[in-house]
Amino acid sequence: MRKAIILLAATSFALAACQETIEERAAREARETTEAKCPMPIGDNMFLDSIVFDIPTRTQSQYFRFTGESDNDSVVNMLGDAKSVLVNELKNTPGYKSLMNADVNFHYVYRSTRDPQKIYLEATVTPADYK
């Protein structure tokens, strides 16, 4: 009898997981990635601090910070048209395909480690940008 109850509970949980919307899955995965891996080094002198998915606006926000030699205006100014770089990165990263197919917005914020109030770059990429 106990095994039957456990099996029923496990089956119910599995069926409930199948009902997860793309937005709910994106929010869960963003939270899990942030909790397990952040801050995550991204190349030299940059960290991904967190990922958040806002269900009502269908927006995935990624928060980065520059450190060390990259934590200055001149390095950020060398990026040029950063939004184009971000769009190309989205298009060339298979992990974003399901979110792009769901017409999700992507919001990026790059801050300074020395001065956390300083935002070097903030950009939002919409479906109109990447389709």
C-alpha atoms as a PDB file:
ATOM      1  CA  MET A   1       0.000   0.000   0.000  1.00  0.00           C
ATOM      2  CA  ARG A   2       2.813   2.391   0.913  1.00  0.00           C
ATOM      3  CA  LYS A   3       4.507   1.763  -2.441  1.00  0.00           C
ATOM      4  CA  ALA A   4       1.260   2.561  -4.242  1.00  0.00           C
ATOM      5  CA  ILE A   5       0.943   5.891  -2.412  1.00  0.00           C
ATOM      6  CA  ILE A   6       4.546   6.795  -3.209  1.00  0.00           C
ATOM      7  CA  LEU A   7       4.050   5.820  -6.862  1.00  0.00           C
ATOM      8  CA  LEU A   8       0.850   7.879  -7.033  1.00  0.00           C
ATOM      9  CA  ALA A   9       2.610  10.895  -5.507  1.00  0.00           C
ATOM     10  CA  ALA A  10       5.544  10.555  -7.910  1.00  0.00           C
ATOM     11  CA  THR A  11       3.196  10.226 -10.883  1.00  0.00           C
ATOM     12  CA  SER A  12       1.211  13.282  -9.768  1.00  0.00           C
ATOM     13  CA  PHE A  13       4.426  15.288  -9.426  1.00  0.00           C
ATOM     14  CA  ALA A  14       5.599  14.192 -12.878  1.00  0.00           C
ATOM     15  CA  LEU A  15       2.264  15.125 -14.451  1.00  0.00           C
ATOM     16  CA  ALA A  16       2.300  18.499 -12.716  1.00  0.00           C
ATOM     17  CA  ALA A  17       5.791  19.141 -14.086  1.00  0.00           C
ATOM     18  CA  CYS A  18       4.484  18.451 -17.589  1.00  0.00           C
ATOM     19  CA  GLN A  19       2.021  21.315 -17.126  1.00  0.00           C
ATOM     20  CA  GLU A  20       4.783  23.880 -16.644  1.00  0.00           C
ATOM     21  CA  THR A  21       4.540  26.738 -19.155  1.00  0.00           C
ATOM     22  CA  ILE A  22       7.571  28.020 -21.026  1.00  0.00           C
ATOM     23  CA  GLU A  23       7.500  31.109 -18.802  1.00  0.00           C
ATOM     24  CA  GLU A  24       7.371  29.043 -15.612  1.00  0.00           C
ATOM     25  CA  ARG A  25      10.197  26.843 -16.864  1.00  0.00           C
ATOM     26  CA  ALA A  26      12.292  29.885 -17.789  1.00  0.00           C
ATOM     27  CA  ALA A  27      11.732  31.417 -14.341  1.00  0.00           C
ATOM     28  CA  ARG A  28      12.627  28.138 -12.615  1.00  0.00           C
ATOM     29  CA  GLU A  29      15.740  27.578 -14.721  1.00  0.00           C
ATOM     30  CA  ALA A  30      16.907  31.166 -14.188  1.00  0.00           C
ATOM     31  CA  ARG A  31      16.472  30.799 -10.423  1.00  0.00           C
ATOM     32  CA  GLU A  32      18.227  27.414 -10.360  1.00  0.00           C
ATOM     33  CA  THR A  33      21.148  28.693 -12.445  1.00  0.00           C
ATOM     34  CA  THR A  34      21.545  31.749 -10.233  1.00  0.00           C
ATOM     35  CA  GLU A  35      21.449  29.688  -7.047  1.00  0.00           C
ATOM     36  CA  ALA A  36      23.822  26.994  -8.303  1.00  0.00           C
ATOM     37  CA  LYS A  37      26.327  28.830 -10.481  1.00  0.00           C
ATOM     38  CA  CYS A  38      26.368  32.567  -9.775  1.00  0.00           C
ATOM     39  CA  PRO A  39      28.475  34.542  -9.573  1.00  0.00           C
ATOM     40  CA  MET A  40      29.890  32.827 -12.653  1.00  0.00           C
ATOM     41  CA  PRO A  41      33.098  34.020 -14.325  1.00  0.00           C
ATOM     42  CA  ILE A  42      32.577  34.951 -17.978  1.00  0.00           C
ATOM     43  CA  GLY A  43      35.972  35.289 -19.592  1.00  0.00           C
ATOM     44  CA  ASP A  44      38.488  37.658 -18.048  1.00  0.00           C
ATOM     45  CA  ASN A  45      37.302  40.367 -15.680  1.00  0.00           C
ATOM     46  CA  MET A  46      33.546  39.750 -15.981  1.00  0.00           C
ATOM     47  CA  PHE A  47      31.013  37.854 -13.881  1.00  0.00           C
ATOM     48  CA  LEU A  48      27.408  36.845 -14.423  1.00  0.00           C
ATOM     49  CA  ASP A  49      25.796  37.714 -11.089  1.00  0.00           C
ATOM     50  CA  SER A  50      22.232  36.534 -11.698  1.00  0.00           C
ATOM     51  CA  ILE A  51      19.517  35.639 -14.170  1.00  0.00           C
ATOM     52  CA  VAL A  52      15.887  36.535 -13.532  1.00  0.00           C
ATOM     53  CA  PHE A  53      12.834  35.742 -15.628  1.00  0.00           C
ATOM     54  CA  ASP A  54       9.855  38.055 -15.190  1.00  0.00           C
ATOM     55  CA  ILE A  55       6.732  36.140 -16.205  1.00  0.00           C
ATOM     56  CA  PRO A  56       4.324  39.111 -16.688  1.00  0.00           C
ATOM     57  CA  THR A  57       6.693  40.914 -19.099  1.00  0.00           C
ATOM     58  CA  ARG A  58       8.159  37.711 -20.582  1.00  0.00           C
ATOM     59  CA  THR A  59      11.646  39.122 -20.034  1.00  0.00           C
ATOM     60  CA  GLN A  60      14.830  37.316 -19.100  1.00  0.00           C
ATOM     61  CA  SER A  61      17.245  39.697 -17.371  1.00  0.00           C
ATOM     62  CA  GLN A  62      20.933  38.921 -17.012  1.00  0.00           C
ATOM     63  CA  TYR A  63      23.066  40.939 -14.608  1.00  0.00           C
ATOM     64  CA  PHE A  64      26.806  41.131 -15.234  1.00  0.00           C
ATOM     65  CA  ARG A  65      29.631  43.060 -13.622  1.00  0.00           C
ATOM     66  CA  PHE A  66      33.033  44.076 -14.866  1.00  0.00           C
ATOM     67  CA  THR A  67      36.052  43.707 -12.593  1.00  0.00           C
ATOM     68  CA  GLY A  68      39.752  44.495 -12.691  1.00  0.00           C
ATOM     69  CA  GLU A  69      41.125  46.017 -15.876  1.00  0.00           C
ATOM     70  CA  SER A  70      37.738  45.835 -17.627  1.00  0.00           C
ATOM     71  CA  ASP A  71      36.016  47.913 -14.948  1.00  0.00           C
ATOM     72  CA  ASN A  72      36.313  51.238 -16.794  1.00  0.00           C
ATOM     73  CA  ASP A  73      34.539  53.256 -19.464  1.00  0.00           C
ATOM     74  CA  SER A  74      37.183  52.796 -22.159  1.00  0.00           C
ATOM     75  CA  VAL A  75      36.775  49.011 -22.307  1.00  0.00           C
ATOM     76  CA  VAL A  76      33.007  49.279 -22.488  1.00  0.00           C
ATOM     77  CA  ASN A  77      33.223  51.953 -25.196  1.00  0.00           C
ATOM     78  CA  MET A  78      35.277  49.546 -27.336  1.00  0.00           C
ATOM     79  CA  LEU A  79      32.215  47.302 -27.631  1.00  0.00           C
ATOM     80  CA  GLY A  80      30.721  49.609 -30.240  1.00  0.00           C
ATOM     81  CA  ASP A  81      27.167  48.600 -31.116  1.00  0.00           C
ATOM     82  CA  ALA A  82      26.644  46.335 -28.130  1.00  0.00           C
ATOM     83  CA  LYS A  83      23.034  45.568 -28.995  1.00  0.00           C
ATOM     84  CA  SER A  84      24.079  44.019 -32.317  1.00  0.00           C
ATOM     85  CA  VAL A  85      26.652  41.914 -30.485  1.00  0.00           C
ATOM     86  CA  LEU A  86      23.956  40.731 -28.048  1.00  0.00           C
ATOM     87  CA  VAL A  87      21.537  39.906 -30.887  1.00  0.00           C
ATOM     88  CA  ASN A  88      24.208  37.860 -32.684  1.00  0.00           C
ATOM     89  CA  GLU A  89      25.045  36.044 -29.454  1.00  0.00           C
ATOM     90  CA  LEU A  90      21.377  35.113 -28.993  1.00  0.00           C
ATOM     91  CA  LYS A  91      21.021  33.899 -32.560  1.00  0.00           C
ATOM     92  CA  ASN A  92      24.184  31.772 -32.316  1.00  0.00           C
ATOM     93  CA  THR A  93      23.489  30.167 -28.938  1.00  0.00           C
ATOM     94  CA  PRO A  94      21.268  27.070 -29.221  1.00  0.00           C
ATOM     95  CA  GLY A  95      20.210  27.289 -25.570  1.00  0.00           C
ATOM     96  CA  TYR A  96      18.187  30.425 -26.309  1.00  0.00           C
ATOM     97  CA  LYS A  97      16.222  28.963 -29.215  1.00  0.00           C
ATOM     98  CA  SER A  98      13.148  27.880 -27.230  1.00  0.00           C
ATOM     99  CA  LEU A  99      12.915  31.279 -25.528  1.00  0.00           C
ATOM    100  CA  MET A 100      13.321  33.066 -28.851  1.00  0.00           C
ATOM    101  CA  ASN A 101      10.613  30.863 -30.390  1.00  0.00           C
ATOM    102  CA  ALA A 102       8.359  31.995 -27.514  1.00  0.00           C
ATOM    103  CA  ASP A 103       9.064  35.680 -28.328  1.00  0.00           C
ATOM    104  CA  VAL A 104      10.821  36.438 -25.049  1.00  0.00           C
ATOM    105  CA  ASN A 105      12.576  39.761 -24.390  1.00  0.00           C
ATOM    106  CA  PHE A 106      16.192  39.684 -23.188  1.00  0.00           C
ATOM    107  CA  HIS A 107      17.424  42.416 -20.870  1.00  0.00           C
ATOM    108  CA  TYR A 108      21.129  42.881 -20.114  1.00  0.00           C
ATOM    109  CA  VAL A 109      22.709  45.008 -17.402  1.00  0.00           C
ATOM    110  CA  TYR A 110      26.479  45.435 -17.075  1.00  0.00           C
ATOM    111  CA  ARG A 111      27.682  47.130 -13.870  1.00  0.00           C
ATOM    112  CA  SER A 112      30.938  48.137 -12.253  1.00  0.00           C
ATOM    113  CA  THR A 113      32.362  46.158  -9.334  1.00  0.00           C
ATOM    114  CA  ARG A 114      34.171  49.242  -7.989  1.00  0.00           C
ATOM    115  CA  ASP A 115      31.003  51.342  -8.117  1.00  0.00           C
ATOM    116  CA  PRO A 116      27.935  49.034  -8.083  1.00  0.00           C
ATOM    117  CA  GLN A 117      25.623  51.975  -8.835  1.00  0.00           C
ATOM    118  CA  LYS A 118      27.427  52.596 -12.137  1.00  0.00           C
ATOM    119  CA  ILE A 119      25.800  50.948 -15.128  1.00  0.00           C
ATOM    120  CA  TYR A 120      28.122  50.671 -18.112  1.00  0.00           C
ATOM    121  CA  LEU A 121      25.540  49.178 -20.426  1.00  0.00           C
ATOM    122  CA  GLU A 122      21.853  48.363 -20.289  1.00  0.00           C
ATOM    123  CA  ALA A 123      20.089  46.941 -23.337  1.00  0.00           C
ATOM    124  CA  THR A 124      16.879  45.109 -24.120  1.00  0.00           C
ATOM    125  CA  VAL A 125      16.636  42.808 -27.118  1.00  0.00           C
ATOM    126  CA  THR A 126      13.092  42.199 -28.325  1.00  0.00           C
ATOM    127  CA  PRO A 127      11.679  39.661 -30.798  1.00  0.00           C
ATOM    128  CA  ALA A 128      11.697  42.417 -33.436  1.00  0.00           C
ATOM    129  CA  ASP A 129      15.478  42.608 -32.993  1.00  0.00           C
ATOM    130  CA  TYR A 130      16.247  38.901 -33.348  1.00  0.00           C
ATOM    131  CA  LYS A 131      13.603  37.648 -35.781  1.00  0.00           C
END
